[in-house]
Every structure is written in structure tokens, then in C-alpha cells.
Protein backbone atom coordinates (compact mmCIF):
# COMPACT_ATOMS: atom_id res chain seq x y z
CA UNK A 1 130.17 -73.38 29.62
CA UNK A 2 132.20 -76.35 30.75
CA UNK A 3 135.65 -75.92 32.17
CA UNK A 4 138.59 -78.31 31.99
CA UNK A 5 138.16 -79.67 35.51
CA UNK A 6 135.09 -81.44 34.19
CA UNK A 7 131.39 -80.98 34.64
CA UNK A 8 130.12 -80.21 38.13
CA UNK A 9 128.29 -83.55 38.36
CA UNK A 10 131.58 -85.45 38.15
CA UNK A 11 132.94 -83.64 41.22
CA UNK A 12 129.67 -84.12 43.12
CA UNK A 13 129.62 -87.86 42.31
CA UNK A 14 133.28 -88.31 43.27
CA UNK A 15 132.72 -86.34 46.47
CA UNK A 16 129.75 -88.52 47.43
CA UNK A 17 131.71 -91.69 46.57
CA UNK A 18 134.68 -90.55 48.69
CA UNK A 19 132.46 -89.66 51.65
CA UNK A 20 130.59 -92.99 51.41
CA UNK A 21 133.89 -94.89 51.22
CA UNK A 22 135.25 -92.94 54.21
CA UNK A 23 132.16 -93.54 56.34
CA UNK A 24 132.20 -97.27 55.56
CA UNK A 25 135.90 -97.50 56.42
CA UNK A 26 135.30 -95.79 59.79
CA UNK A 27 132.01 -97.50 60.68
CA UNK A 28 133.35 -100.99 59.91
CA UNK A 29 137.08 -100.79 60.70
CA UNK A 30 137.24 -104.41 61.73
CA UNK A 31 135.95 -105.77 58.42
CA UNK A 32 138.20 -108.28 56.80
CA UNK A 33 141.16 -107.01 54.91
CA UNK A 34 139.94 -108.34 51.57
CA UNK A 35 136.69 -106.37 51.89
CA UNK A 36 138.68 -103.24 52.69
CA UNK A 37 140.88 -103.87 49.66
CA UNK A 38 137.79 -104.36 47.48
CA UNK A 39 136.22 -101.14 48.82
CA UNK A 40 139.36 -99.17 48.01
CA UNK A 41 139.69 -100.74 44.56
CA UNK A 42 136.04 -99.97 43.76
CA UNK A 43 136.48 -96.35 44.85
CA UNK A 44 139.68 -95.93 42.81
CA UNK A 45 137.97 -97.50 39.77
CA UNK A 46 134.91 -95.22 39.99
CA UNK A 47 137.14 -92.18 40.52
CA UNK A 48 139.31 -93.16 37.54
CA UNK A 49 136.35 -93.76 35.23
CA UNK A 50 134.75 -90.44 36.18
CA UNK A 51 138.04 -88.67 35.44
CA UNK A 52 138.28 -90.38 32.04
CA UNK A 53 134.70 -89.48 31.12
CA UNK A 54 135.30 -85.88 32.22
CA UNK A 55 138.45 -85.72 30.08
CA UNK A 56 136.47 -86.68 26.98
CA UNK A 57 133.73 -84.18 27.76
CA UNK A 58 136.08 -81.25 28.43
CA UNK A 59 135.99 -78.45 25.88
CA UNK A 60 138.28 -78.70 22.86
CA UNK A 61 141.53 -76.81 23.13
CA UNK A 62 141.93 -77.27 26.87
CA UNK A 63 144.52 -79.63 28.37
CA UNK A 64 142.39 -82.73 28.85
CA UNK A 65 145.48 -84.82 29.48
CA UNK A 66 145.55 -83.94 33.20
CA UNK A 67 142.08 -85.42 33.73
CA UNK A 68 142.88 -88.39 31.48
CA UNK A 69 146.15 -89.07 33.30
CA UNK A 70 144.43 -89.03 36.68
CA UNK A 71 141.71 -91.31 35.29
CA UNK A 72 144.27 -93.79 33.95
CA UNK A 73 146.07 -93.68 37.30
CA UNK A 74 142.85 -94.46 39.21
CA UNK A 75 141.92 -97.35 36.92
CA UNK A 76 145.48 -98.75 37.05
CA UNK A 77 145.57 -98.64 40.86
CA UNK A 78 142.15 -100.30 41.01
CA UNK A 79 143.24 -103.07 38.63
CA UNK A 80 146.47 -103.67 40.58
CA UNK A 81 144.47 -103.83 43.81
CA UNK A 82 141.95 -106.31 42.33
CA UNK A 83 144.71 -108.45 40.79
CA UNK A 84 146.70 -108.69 44.05
CA UNK A 85 144.04 -108.65 46.80
CA UNK A 86 146.24 -110.55 49.20
CA UNK A 87 148.88 -107.85 49.43
CA UNK A 88 149.88 -106.86 52.92
CA UNK A 89 148.31 -103.92 54.71
CA UNK A 90 151.55 -102.00 54.48
CA UNK A 91 151.84 -102.53 50.71
CA UNK A 92 148.23 -101.39 50.23
CA UNK A 93 148.85 -98.39 52.43
CA UNK A 94 151.88 -97.39 50.36
CA UNK A 95 149.89 -97.90 47.14
CA UNK A 96 147.15 -95.62 48.50
CA UNK A 97 149.79 -93.07 49.57
CA UNK A 98 151.44 -93.02 46.13
CA UNK A 99 148.03 -92.68 44.46
CA UNK A 100 147.13 -89.78 46.78
CA UNK A 101 150.42 -87.94 46.12
CA UNK A 102 150.32 -88.27 42.32
CA UNK A 103 146.59 -87.53 42.13
CA UNK A 104 147.03 -84.54 44.43
CA UNK A 105 149.87 -83.15 42.32
CA UNK A 106 147.71 -83.48 39.20
CA UNK A 107 144.83 -81.61 40.89
CA UNK A 108 147.19 -78.80 41.98
CA UNK A 109 148.48 -78.54 38.39
CA UNK A 110 144.90 -78.43 37.12
CA UNK A 111 144.00 -75.68 39.62
CA UNK A 112 146.97 -73.61 38.47
CA UNK A 113 145.87 -73.92 34.84
CA UNK A 114 142.28 -72.98 35.77
CA UNK A 115 143.02 -70.01 38.02
CA UNK A 116 141.91 -67.53 35.35
CA UNK A 117 138.98 -69.60 34.10
CA UNK A 118 136.96 -70.42 37.21
CA UNK A 119 136.31 -68.90 40.59
CA UNK A 120 137.02 -71.19 43.50
CA UNK A 121 139.97 -73.00 41.94
CA UNK A 122 141.46 -72.92 45.42
CA UNK A 123 139.13 -75.79 46.36
CA UNK A 124 140.66 -77.91 43.63
CA UNK A 125 144.14 -76.93 44.80
CA UNK A 126 143.13 -77.63 48.41
CA UNK A 127 141.97 -81.14 47.53
CA UNK A 128 145.32 -81.71 45.81
CA UNK A 129 147.35 -80.38 48.74
CA UNK A 130 145.29 -82.50 51.15
CA UNK A 131 146.01 -85.58 49.07
CA UNK A 132 149.74 -84.83 48.96
CA UNK A 133 149.91 -84.24 52.74
CA UNK A 134 147.97 -87.44 53.38
CA UNK A 135 150.26 -89.45 51.11
CA UNK A 136 153.42 -88.05 52.68
CA UNK A 137 152.11 -88.75 56.20
CA UNK A 138 151.30 -92.32 55.25
CA UNK A 139 154.84 -92.84 53.94
CA UNK A 140 156.39 -91.24 57.02
CA UNK A 141 154.20 -92.89 59.67
CA UNK A 142 152.55 -96.04 58.31
CA UNK A 143 149.59 -97.08 60.43
CA UNK A 144 149.81 -100.33 62.38
CA UNK A 145 147.26 -102.86 61.21
CA UNK A 146 144.18 -102.76 59.08
CA UNK A 147 142.00 -100.97 61.65
CA UNK A 148 144.43 -98.07 61.88
CA UNK A 149 144.62 -98.00 58.09
CA UNK A 150 140.83 -98.02 57.79
CA UNK A 151 140.44 -95.08 60.18
CA UNK A 152 143.20 -93.06 58.56
CA UNK A 153 141.97 -93.68 55.01
CA UNK A 154 138.36 -93.14 56.12
CA UNK A 155 139.02 -89.71 57.60
CA UNK A 156 141.04 -88.70 54.56
CA UNK A 157 138.28 -89.85 52.19
CA UNK A 158 135.60 -87.92 54.11
CA UNK A 159 137.68 -84.71 54.10
CA UNK A 160 138.57 -85.08 50.44
CA UNK A 161 134.97 -85.95 49.53
CA UNK A 162 133.69 -82.88 51.34
CA UNK A 163 136.09 -80.63 49.42
CA UNK A 164 135.16 -82.31 46.10
CA UNK A 165 131.44 -81.99 46.86
CA UNK A 166 131.88 -78.29 47.68
CA UNK A 167 133.87 -77.79 44.47
CA UNK A 168 131.14 -79.55 42.46
CA UNK A 169 128.45 -77.30 43.94
CA UNK A 170 130.49 -74.17 43.23
CA UNK A 171 131.20 -75.33 39.68
CA UNK A 172 127.48 -75.94 39.15
CA UNK A 173 126.75 -72.36 40.26
CA UNK A 174 129.44 -71.16 37.86
CA UNK A 175 127.93 -73.22 35.02
CA UNK A 176 124.47 -71.80 35.73
CA UNK A 177 125.72 -68.23 35.91
CA UNK A 178 127.62 -68.72 32.63
CA UNK A 179 124.50 -70.11 30.97
CA UNK A 180 122.33 -67.26 32.31
CA UNK A 181 124.75 -64.51 31.27
CA UNK A 182 123.32 -62.43 28.44
CA UNK A 183 124.91 -63.18 25.12
CA UNK A 184 126.31 -60.28 23.16
CA UNK A 185 124.89 -59.92 19.72
CA UNK A 186 127.12 -58.73 16.95
CA UNK A 187 125.78 -55.43 15.46
CA UNK A 188 125.92 -57.04 12.00
CA UNK A 189 123.65 -59.85 13.23
CA UNK A 190 121.05 -57.34 14.47
CA UNK A 191 120.80 -55.79 11.01
CA UNK A 192 120.07 -59.14 9.39
């Protein structure tokens, strides 16, 4: 049984991508700004594409639009970042903050809709709340320089990736338990 938040593999992949992006941002904080911009754009693009694929694979009758909207947002932010790679560090930081706030709000909304469908929806809500807090902090206290930005975004990406990875693992367990659950046979089917 698949649930609206997408298949478990999509959360595992996005968690791994976020952690890898975060580690690279922390390990190489002094890389040139254009490389940092390209790393962020690539992450946002992968995240957006995975959301879009998950929205198409979600079961019929469930609100796929939340996943699709977050996917479109990720792709749009990636395209804007690729198109204007020379934007200032502050502009990129505000773009990342806006993306984190909107994406976080969408994940919280998704968790609320899934609260009766899956166990562990709190992880999805937690990832959304973390994103919102991160985005608000960035708007309130913008980091000085690219190195500060790289560290701040790196730590956020590692925390978010860890939560997404944990959610993916829990969803996989849920999928397996749903598949292993005995199916009820209609008494009329037994007679046939």
C-alpha cells in the first residue's frame, strides 16, 4: 500500500541527497560561490523531480497536489538559481529561506492529511517545522558571507536529510507490514 507522501524510496533518496549536500557544504565551505550555487540548484532540482515523480505514483483519490506543488517549487527554484548564478549571497540565502518556508509548510499540511493513514507522520511534520524555523532564522539573521551561508545551509541539510531518511525507513516498514497483512476473503469468494 502506498500512501500520499510517496513511496519510501523517494524519502530515502531525498534524505541521502540532503545529507550529501550538507556534508559537501560543510567540508568545503570556502569553495567558490558559483559552485555552491550549482550544488544548491542541483539539490533543489533532484528534490523537485522526486516530488513530482512521487505525486504521479501516489494512489488515486489522494491529494497529490501537495507533492506536485512542492515538486514544481523545487524545480522552479533550481531553474531560477541556474539562470541567475551570479546573484549575491544574500539573494541566494533569501531564495533558500523562502524555499524552506514554503516547502516546510507543504510538508506540515501533508502530515496533517496523513495523520490517520500512516504511523510516524510526526517525522514528516517535524521536517516541515524544521524547514520553517530554518527559513525564518535566515530571514531574521542573514549569515555574513558565503562561508557562513555554507555552514548554515549545510547543517540544515544534514538535519533535514536525517529526518527524511528516518521517515523513509519508517514508511518502508509500514509498506512491508501492509503487504504482509493477511487479506480478508469475502465469504462469497470462498464458496466459489
